[in-house]
Amino acid sequence: MALAFLFCLGIVNFAAHKAVLESDHPLLAQTPWFFDALGGRLSLIVEFTVLLGAMILAAEGSPGWVWAYAVYSGFNGIFAWAMLTGRF
């Protein structure tokens, strides 16, 4: 159940991340070169690595990582919403 929950959160995170990358928000112009590498895909690879790590650790019986990824997803959602609606 925890893995399914993490997977669903991962889908939401990827959708929010991709929407922010495609928004051309002025803040994105200030990111370091390594986040802009591969057209922003490097940051998506980092996002995938975080999700994969949380899923592996949750599968090994560490439920704290599910909560940590849920909090991480919450912050991602808040900041993506703020950037996409022009509040940030």
PDB file of N, CA and C in Angstrom:
ATOM      1  N   MET A   1       0.823  -1.193   0.000  1.00  0.00           N
ATOM      2  CA  MET A   1       0.000   0.000   0.000  1.00  0.00           C
ATOM      3  C   MET A   1       0.870   1.262   0.000  1.00  0.00           C
ATOM      4  N   ALA A   2       1.950   1.227   0.775  1.00  0.00           N
ATOM      5  CA  ALA A   2       2.840   2.387   0.842  1.00  0.00           C
ATOM      6  C   ALA A   2       3.473   2.668  -0.518  1.00  0.00           C
ATOM      7  N   LEU A   3       3.835   1.604  -1.233  1.00  0.00           N
ATOM      8  CA  LEU A   3       4.453   1.808  -2.543  1.00  0.00           C
ATOM      9  C   LEU A   3       3.460   2.407  -3.543  1.00  0.00           C
ATOM     10  N   ALA A   4       2.219   1.977  -3.472  1.00  0.00           N
ATOM     11  CA  ALA A   4       1.199   2.544  -4.364  1.00  0.00           C
ATOM     12  C   ALA A   4       0.984   4.023  -4.048  1.00  0.00           C
ATOM     13  N   PHE A   5       0.969   4.362  -2.762  1.00  0.00           N
ATOM     14  CA  PHE A   5       0.818   5.751  -2.344  1.00  0.00           C
ATOM     15  C   PHE A   5       1.989   6.594  -2.835  1.00  0.00           C
ATOM     16  N   LEU A   6       3.207   6.085  -2.678  1.00  0.00           N
ATOM     17  CA  LEU A   6       4.392   6.798  -3.152  1.00  0.00           C
ATOM     18  C   LEU A   6       4.359   6.957  -4.668  1.00  0.00           C
ATOM     19  N   PHE A   7       3.928   5.922  -5.358  1.00  0.00           N
ATOM     20  CA  PHE A   7       3.849   5.980  -6.813  1.00  0.00           C
ATOM     21  C   PHE A   7       2.888   7.075  -7.254  1.00  0.00           C
ATOM     22  N   CYS A   8       1.727   7.160  -6.604  1.00  0.00           N
ATOM     23  CA  CYS A   8       0.749   8.201  -6.934  1.00  0.00           C
ATOM     24  C   CYS A   8       1.297   9.597  -6.640  1.00  0.00           C
ATOM     25  N   LEU A   9       1.981   9.735  -5.508  1.00  0.00           N
ATOM     26  CA  LEU A   9       2.608  11.014  -5.197  1.00  0.00           C
ATOM     27  C   LEU A   9       3.676  11.358  -6.229  1.00  0.00           C
ATOM     28  N   GLY A  10       4.399  10.349  -6.677  1.00  0.00           N
ATOM     29  CA  GLY A  10       5.424  10.571  -7.696  1.00  0.00           C
ATOM     30  C   GLY A  10       4.836  11.085  -9.002  1.00  0.00           C
ATOM     31  N   ILE A  11       3.693  10.544  -9.391  1.00  0.00           N
ATOM     32  CA  ILE A  11       3.027  11.013 -10.610  1.00  0.00           C
ATOM     33  C   ILE A  11       2.653  12.484 -10.469  1.00  0.00           C
ATOM     34  N   VAL A  12       2.107  12.838  -9.309  1.00  0.00           N
ATOM     35  CA  VAL A  12       1.729  14.231  -9.064  1.00  0.00           C
ATOM     36  C   VAL A  12       2.966  15.131  -9.081  1.00  0.00           C
ATOM     37  N   ASN A  13       4.057  14.675  -8.453  1.00  0.00           N
ATOM     38  CA  ASN A  13       5.290  15.461  -8.440  1.00  0.00           C
ATOM     39  C   ASN A  13       5.836  15.677  -9.847  1.00  0.00           C
ATOM     40  N   PHE A  14       5.847  14.625 -10.650  1.00  0.00           N
ATOM     41  CA  PHE A  14       6.346  14.768 -12.017  1.00  0.00           C
ATOM     42  C   PHE A  14       5.476  15.715 -12.827  1.00  0.00           C
ATOM     43  N   ALA A  15       4.161  15.638 -12.658  1.00  0.00           N
ATOM     44  CA  ALA A  15       3.261  16.531 -13.392  1.00  0.00           C
ATOM     45  C   ALA A  15       3.493  17.983 -12.984  1.00  0.00           C
ATOM     46  N   ALA A  16       3.629  18.228 -11.688  1.00  0.00           N
ATOM     47  CA  ALA A  16       3.867  19.593 -11.204  1.00  0.00           C
ATOM     48  C   ALA A  16       5.223  20.096 -11.678  1.00  0.00           C
ATOM     49  N   HIS A  17       6.226  19.243 -11.600  1.00  0.00           N
ATOM     50  CA  HIS A  17       7.583  19.615 -12.010  1.00  0.00           C
ATOM     51  C   HIS A  17       7.611  19.967 -13.502  1.00  0.00           C
ATOM     52  N   LYS A  18       6.979  19.137 -14.308  1.00  0.00           N
ATOM     53  CA  LYS A  18       6.949  19.369 -15.749  1.00  0.00           C
ATOM     54  C   LYS A  18       6.192  20.658 -16.076  1.00  0.00           C
ATOM     55  N   ALA A  19       5.094  20.914 -15.377  1.00  0.00           N
ATOM     56  CA  ALA A  19       4.325  22.136 -15.605  1.00  0.00           C
ATOM     57  C   ALA A  19       5.151  23.374 -15.267  1.00  0.00           C
ATOM     58  N   VAL A  20       5.910  23.302 -14.193  1.00  0.00           N
ATOM     59  CA  VAL A  20       6.764  24.435 -13.818  1.00  0.00           C
ATOM     60  C   VAL A  20       7.859  24.632 -14.862  1.00  0.00           C
ATOM     61  N   LEU A  21       8.468  23.550 -15.319  1.00  0.00           N
ATOM     62  CA  LEU A  21       9.515  23.671 -16.342  1.00  0.00           C
ATOM     63  C   LEU A  21       8.976  24.294 -17.623  1.00  0.00           C
ATOM     64  N   GLU A  22       7.751  23.979 -17.983  1.00  0.00           N
ATOM     65  CA  GLU A  22       7.169  24.494 -19.216  1.00  0.00           C
ATOM     66  C   GLU A  22       6.566  25.884 -19.058  1.00  0.00           C
ATOM     67  N   SER A  23       6.502  26.383 -17.832  1.00  0.00           N
ATOM     68  CA  SER A  23       5.855  27.672 -17.585  1.00  0.00           C
ATOM     69  C   SER A  23       6.719  28.866 -17.975  1.00  0.00           C
ATOM     70  N   ASP A  24       8.006  28.680 -18.138  1.00  0.00           N
ATOM     71  CA  ASP A  24       8.941  29.779 -18.421  1.00  0.00           C
ATOM     72  C   ASP A  24       8.851  30.885 -17.374  1.00  0.00           C
ATOM     73  N   HIS A  25       8.698  30.492 -16.152  1.00  0.00           N
ATOM     74  CA  HIS A  25       8.654  31.454 -15.048  1.00  0.00           C
ATOM     75  C   HIS A  25      10.006  32.161 -14.964  1.00  0.00           C
ATOM     76  N   PRO A  26      10.033  33.466 -14.658  1.00  0.00           N
ATOM     77  CA  PRO A  26      11.301  34.204 -14.590  1.00  0.00           C
ATOM     78  C   PRO A  26      12.301  33.633 -13.578  1.00  0.00           C
ATOM     79  N   LEU A  27      11.797  32.999 -12.548  1.00  0.00           N
ATOM     80  CA  LEU A  27      12.679  32.412 -11.552  1.00  0.00           C
ATOM     81  C   LEU A  27      13.519  31.277 -12.135  1.00  0.00           C
ATOM     82  N   LEU A  28      13.003  30.610 -13.158  1.00  0.00           N
ATOM     83  CA  LEU A  28      13.744  29.508 -13.779  1.00  0.00           C
ATOM     84  C   LEU A  28      15.007  29.994 -14.481  1.00  0.00           C
ATOM     85  N   ALA A  29      15.026  31.244 -14.887  1.00  0.00           N
ATOM     86  CA  ALA A  29      16.211  31.800 -15.553  1.00  0.00           C
ATOM     87  C   ALA A  29      17.365  31.962 -14.576  1.00  0.00           C
ATOM     88  N   GLN A  30      17.091  31.928 -13.282  1.00  0.00           N
ATOM     89  CA  GLN A  30      18.120  32.114 -12.265  1.00  0.00           C
ATOM     90  C   GLN A  30      18.664  30.799 -11.721  1.00  0.00           C
ATOM     91  N   THR A  31      18.208  29.674 -12.240  1.00  0.00           N
ATOM     92  CA  THR A  31      18.687  28.388 -11.747  1.00  0.00           C
ATOM     93  C   THR A  31      20.099  28.120 -12.260  1.00  0.00           C
ATOM     94  N   PRO A  32      20.867  27.365 -11.502  1.00  0.00           N
ATOM     95  CA  PRO A  32      22.228  27.027 -11.960  1.00  0.00           C
ATOM     96  C   PRO A  32      22.198  26.229 -13.264  1.00  0.00           C
ATOM     97  N   TRP A  33      23.305  26.238 -13.960  1.00  0.00           N
ATOM     98  CA  TRP A  33      23.386  25.591 -15.273  1.00  0.00           C
ATOM     99  C   TRP A  33      23.073  24.101 -15.206  1.00  0.00           C
ATOM    100  N   PHE A  34      23.431  23.440 -14.095  1.00  0.00           N
ATOM    101  CA  PHE A  34      23.236  21.991 -14.054  1.00  0.00           C
ATOM    102  C   PHE A  34      21.762  21.614 -13.927  1.00  0.00           C
ATOM    103  N   PHE A  35      20.905  22.516 -13.447  1.00  0.00           N
ATOM    104  CA  PHE A  35      19.476  22.229 -13.436  1.00  0.00           C
ATOM    105  C   PHE A  35      18.870  22.436 -14.809  1.00  0.00           C
ATOM    106  N   ASP A  36      19.500  23.267 -15.604  1.00  0.00           N
ATOM    107  CA  ASP A  36      19.010  23.536 -16.951  1.00  0.00           C
ATOM    108  C   ASP A  36      19.579  22.550 -17.966  1.00  0.00           C
ATOM    109  N   ALA A  37      20.507  21.715 -17.517  1.00  0.00           N
ATOM    110  CA  ALA A  37      21.136  20.755 -18.432  1.00  0.00           C
ATOM    111  C   ALA A  37      20.082  19.818 -19.028  1.00  0.00           C
ATOM    112  N   LEU A  38      20.298  19.432 -20.237  1.00  0.00           N
ATOM    113  CA  LEU A  38      19.408  18.536 -20.975  1.00  0.00           C
ATOM    114  C   LEU A  38      17.994  19.104 -21.086  1.00  0.00           C
ATOM    115  N   GLY A  39      17.880  20.414 -21.155  1.00  0.00           N
ATOM    116  CA  GLY A  39      16.580  21.050 -21.296  1.00  0.00           C
ATOM    117  C   GLY A  39      15.692  20.902 -20.075  1.00  0.00           C
ATOM    118  N   GLY A  40      16.289  20.819 -18.911  1.00  0.00           N
ATOM    119  CA  GLY A  40      15.528  20.648 -17.677  1.00  0.00           C
ATOM    120  C   GLY A  40      15.304  19.197 -17.304  1.00  0.00           C
ATOM    121  N   ARG A  41      15.721  18.301 -18.154  1.00  0.00           N
ATOM    122  CA  ARG A  41      15.506  16.877 -17.885  1.00  0.00           C
ATOM    123  C   ARG A  41      16.372  16.363 -16.742  1.00  0.00           C
ATOM    124  N   LEU A  42      17.488  17.020 -16.493  1.00  0.00           N
ATOM    125  CA  LEU A  42      18.337  16.596 -15.385  1.00  0.00           C
ATOM    126  C   LEU A  42      17.595  16.742 -14.063  1.00  0.00           C
ATOM    127  N   SER A  43      16.812  17.792 -13.928  1.00  0.00           N
ATOM    128  CA  SER A  43      16.045  17.958 -12.693  1.00  0.00           C
ATOM    129  C   SER A  43      14.958  16.895 -12.579  1.00  0.00           C
ATOM    130  N   LEU A  44      14.427  16.434 -13.703  1.00  0.00           N
ATOM    131  CA  LEU A  44      13.459  15.337 -13.668  1.00  0.00           C
ATOM    132  C   LEU A  44      14.139  14.026 -13.270  1.00  0.00           C
ATOM    133  N   ILE A  45      15.390  13.848 -13.661  1.00  0.00           N
ATOM    134  CA  ILE A  45      16.144  12.662 -13.252  1.00  0.00           C
ATOM    135  C   ILE A  45      16.374  12.695 -11.746  1.00  0.00           C
ATOM    136  N   VAL A  46      16.676  13.865 -11.209  1.00  0.00           N
ATOM    137  CA  VAL A  46      16.839  14.004  -9.761  1.00  0.00           C
ATOM    138  C   VAL A  46      15.516  13.689  -9.060  1.00  0.00           C
ATOM    139  N   GLU A  47      14.425  14.175  -9.604  1.00  0.00           N
ATOM    140  CA  GLU A  47      13.089  13.894  -9.051  1.00  0.00           C
ATOM    141  C   GLU A  47      12.823  12.392  -9.029  1.00  0.00           C
ATOM    142  N   PHE A  48      13.173  11.711 -10.125  1.00  0.00           N
ATOM    143  CA  PHE A  48      13.001  10.261 -10.193  1.00  0.00           C
ATOM    144  C   PHE A  48      13.866   9.551  -9.163  1.00  0.00           C
ATOM    145  N   THR A  49      15.087  10.017  -8.984  1.00  0.00           N
ATOM    146  CA  THR A  49      16.001   9.397  -8.013  1.00  0.00           C
ATOM    147  C   THR A  49      15.458   9.530  -6.597  1.00  0.00           C
ATOM    148  N   VAL A  50      14.893  10.671  -6.274  1.00  0.00           N
ATOM    149  CA  VAL A  50      14.302  10.863  -4.941  1.00  0.00           C
ATOM    150  C   VAL A  50      13.128   9.903  -4.757  1.00  0.00           C
ATOM    151  N   LEU A  51      12.263   9.790  -5.765  1.00  0.00           N
ATOM    152  CA  LEU A  51      11.127   8.868  -5.685  1.00  0.00           C
ATOM    153  C   LEU A  51      11.594   7.429  -5.554  1.00  0.00           C
ATOM    154  N   LEU A  52      12.549   7.040  -6.364  1.00  0.00           N
ATOM    155  CA  LEU A  52      13.053   5.672  -6.322  1.00  0.00           C
ATOM    156  C   LEU A  52      13.655   5.350  -4.958  1.00  0.00           C
ATOM    157  N   GLY A  53      14.431   6.269  -4.416  1.00  0.00           N
ATOM    158  CA  GLY A  53      15.019   6.063  -3.098  1.00  0.00           C
ATOM    159  C   GLY A  53      13.961   5.906  -2.025  1.00  0.00           C
ATOM    160  N   ALA A  54      12.934   6.747  -2.064  1.00  0.00           N
ATOM    161  CA  ALA A  54      11.852   6.646  -1.080  1.00  0.00           C
ATOM    162  C   ALA A  54      11.118   5.319  -1.218  1.00  0.00           C
ATOM    163  N   MET A  55      10.903   4.868  -2.447  1.00  0.00           N
ATOM    164  CA  MET A  55      10.200   3.599  -2.655  1.00  0.00           C
ATOM    165  C   MET A  55      11.034   2.415  -2.191  1.00  0.00           C
ATOM    166  N   ILE A  56      12.320   2.444  -2.462  1.00  0.00           N
ATOM    167  CA  ILE A  56      13.191   1.339  -2.017  1.00  0.00           C
ATOM    168  C   ILE A  56      13.236   1.281  -0.498  1.00  0.00           C
ATOM    169  N   LEU A  57      13.403   2.423   0.144  1.00  0.00           N
ATOM    170  CA  LEU A  57      13.476   2.448   1.605  1.00  0.00           C
ATOM    171  C   LEU A  57      12.139   2.065   2.239  1.00  0.00           C
ATOM    172  N   ALA A  58      11.028   2.467   1.627  1.00  0.00           N
ATOM    173  CA  ALA A  58       9.717   2.075   2.146  1.00  0.00           C
ATOM    174  C   ALA A  58       9.495   0.574   1.982  1.00  0.00           C
ATOM    175  N   ALA A  59       9.962   0.016   0.871  1.00  0.00           N
ATOM    176  CA  ALA A  59       9.824  -1.419   0.642  1.00  0.00           C
ATOM    177  C   ALA A  59      10.646  -2.230   1.637  1.00  0.00           C
ATOM    178  N   GLU A  60      11.722  -1.636   2.133  1.00  0.00           N
ATOM    179  CA  GLU A  60      12.567  -2.305   3.121  1.00  0.00           C
ATOM    180  C   GLU A  60      12.022  -2.170   4.538  1.00  0.00           C
ATOM    181  N   GLY A  61      10.883  -1.490   4.684  1.00  0.00           N
ATOM    182  CA  GLY A  61      10.246  -1.415   5.990  1.00  0.00           C
ATOM    183  C   GLY A  61      10.487  -0.142   6.770  1.00  0.00           C
ATOM    184  N   SER A  62      10.819   0.928   6.093  1.00  0.00           N
ATOM    185  CA  SER A  62      11.032   2.216   6.752  1.00  0.00           C
ATOM    186  C   SER A  62       9.860   3.142   6.429  1.00  0.00           C
ATOM    187  N   PRO A  63       8.812   3.135   7.241  1.00  0.00           N
ATOM    188  CA  PRO A  63       7.629   3.945   6.930  1.00  0.00           C
ATOM    189  C   PRO A  63       7.870   5.448   7.042  1.00  0.00           C
ATOM    190  N   GLY A  64       8.914   5.847   7.721  1.00  0.00           N
ATOM    191  CA  GLY A  64       9.223   7.271   7.835  1.00  0.00           C
ATOM    192  C   GLY A  64       9.491   7.909   6.496  1.00  0.00           C
ATOM    193  N   TRP A  65      10.005   7.137   5.554  1.00  0.00           N
ATOM    194  CA  TRP A  65      10.288   7.676   4.228  1.00  0.00           C
ATOM    195  C   TRP A  65       9.025   7.972   3.455  1.00  0.00           C
ATOM    196  N   VAL A  66       7.947   7.258   3.749  1.00  0.00           N
ATOM    197  CA  VAL A  66       6.662   7.558   3.113  1.00  0.00           C
ATOM    198  C   VAL A  66       6.189   8.935   3.574  1.00  0.00           C
ATOM    199  N   TRP A  67       6.283   9.171   4.876  1.00  0.00           N
ATOM    200  CA  TRP A  67       5.891  10.473   5.424  1.00  0.00           C
ATOM    201  C   TRP A  67       6.795  11.578   4.905  1.00  0.00           C
ATOM    202  N   ALA A  68       8.085  11.314   4.843  1.00  0.00           N
ATOM    203  CA  ALA A  68       9.028  12.325   4.354  1.00  0.00           C
ATOM    204  C   ALA A  68       8.722  12.684   2.896  1.00  0.00           C
ATOM    205  N   TYR A  69       8.440  11.685   2.077  1.00  0.00           N
ATOM    206  CA  TYR A  69       8.125  11.967   0.671  1.00  0.00           C
ATOM    207  C   TYR A  69       6.778  12.664   0.545  1.00  0.00           C
ATOM    208  N   ALA A  70       5.840  12.358   1.427  1.00  0.00           N
ATOM    209  CA  ALA A  70       4.543  13.041   1.414  1.00  0.00           C
ATOM    210  C   ALA A  70       4.720  14.525   1.748  1.00  0.00           C
ATOM    211  N   VAL A  71       5.559  14.833   2.727  1.00  0.00           N
ATOM    212  CA  VAL A  71       5.834  16.232   3.072  1.00  0.00           C
ATOM    213  C   VAL A  71       6.542  16.921   1.907  1.00  0.00           C
ATOM    214  N   TYR A  72       7.520  16.246   1.334  1.00  0.00           N
ATOM    215  CA  TYR A  72       8.241  16.761   0.164  1.00  0.00           C
ATOM    216  C   TYR A  72       7.262  17.058  -0.972  1.00  0.00           C
ATOM    217  N   SER A  73       6.326  16.152  -1.207  1.00  0.00           N
ATOM    218  CA  SER A  73       5.335  16.339  -2.260  1.00  0.00           C
ATOM    219  C   SER A  73       4.425  17.520  -1.957  1.00  0.00           C
ATOM    220  N   GLY A  74       4.076  17.683  -0.692  1.00  0.00           N
ATOM    221  CA  GLY A  74       3.249  18.817  -0.298  1.00  0.00           C
ATOM    222  C   GLY A  74       3.924  20.135  -0.591  1.00  0.00           C
ATOM    223  N   PHE A  75       5.197  20.242  -0.222  1.00  0.00           N
ATOM    224  CA  PHE A  75       5.944  21.463  -0.501  1.00  0.00           C
ATOM    225  C   PHE A  75       6.081  21.679  -2.010  1.00  0.00           C
ATOM    226  N   ASN A  76       6.347  20.619  -2.757  1.00  0.00           N
ATOM    227  CA  ASN A  76       6.422  20.739  -4.223  1.00  0.00           C
ATOM    228  C   ASN A  76       5.108  21.260  -4.783  1.00  0.00           C
ATOM    229  N   GLY A  77       4.010  20.732  -4.304  1.00  0.00           N
ATOM    230  CA  GLY A  77       2.699  21.160  -4.784  1.00  0.00           C
ATOM    231  C   GLY A  77       2.418  22.618  -4.478  1.00  0.00           C
ATOM    232  N   ILE A  78       2.761  23.043  -3.269  1.00  0.00           N
ATOM    233  CA  ILE A  78       2.534  24.436  -2.870  1.00  0.00           C
ATOM    234  C   ILE A  78       3.361  25.385  -3.735  1.00  0.00           C
ATOM    235  N   PHE A  79       4.644  25.069  -3.913  1.00  0.00           N
ATOM    236  CA  PHE A  79       5.501  25.948  -4.703  1.00  0.00           C
ATOM    237  C   PHE A  79       5.139  25.927  -6.182  1.00  0.00           C
ATOM    238  N   ALA A  80       4.746  24.768  -6.705  1.00  0.00           N
ATOM    239  CA  ALA A  80       4.322  24.707  -8.108  1.00  0.00           C
ATOM    240  C   ALA A  80       3.060  25.538  -8.306  1.00  0.00           C
ATOM    241  N   TRP A  81       2.105  25.425  -7.387  1.00  0.00           N
ATOM    242  CA  TRP A  81       0.874  26.210  -7.470  1.00  0.00           C
ATOM    243  C   TRP A  81       1.204  27.704  -7.417  1.00  0.00           C
ATOM    244  N   ALA A  82       2.093  28.084  -6.503  1.00  0.00           N
ATOM    245  CA  ALA A  82       2.451  29.502  -6.364  1.00  0.00           C
ATOM    246  C   ALA A  82       3.123  30.029  -7.636  1.00  0.00           C
ATOM    247  N   MET A  83       3.996  29.235  -8.228  1.00  0.00           N
ATOM    248  CA  MET A  83       4.671  29.679  -9.442  1.00  0.00           C
ATOM    249  C   MET A  83       3.721  29.731 -10.646  1.00  0.00           C
ATOM    250  N   LEU A  84       2.867  28.748 -10.755  1.00  0.00           N
ATOM    251  CA  LEU A  84       1.990  28.675 -11.920  1.00  0.00           C
ATOM    252  C   LEU A  84       0.849  29.691 -11.869  1.00  0.00           C
ATOM    253  N   THR A  85       0.481  30.136 -10.684  1.00  0.00           N
ATOM    254  CA  THR A  85      -0.589  31.116 -10.558  1.00  0.00           C
ATOM    255  C   THR A  85      -0.071  32.533 -10.417  1.00  0.00           C
ATOM    256  N   GLY A  86       1.238  32.703 -10.454  1.00  0.00           N
ATOM    257  CA  GLY A  86       1.828  34.039 -10.389  1.00  0.00           C
ATOM    258  C   GLY A  86       1.903  34.629  -8.992  1.00  0.00           C
ATOM    259  N   ARG A  87       1.786  33.813  -7.975  1.00  0.00           N
ATOM    260  CA  ARG A  87       1.864  34.311  -6.614  1.00  0.00           C
ATOM    261  C   ARG A  87       3.297  34.331  -6.084  1.00  0.00           C
ATOM    262  N   PHE A  88       4.202  33.816  -6.880  1.00  0.00           N
ATOM    263  CA  PHE A  88       5.606  33.742  -6.447  1.00  0.00           C
ATOM    264  C   PHE A  88       6.493  34.336  -7.501  1.00  0.00           C
TER     265      PHE A  88
END
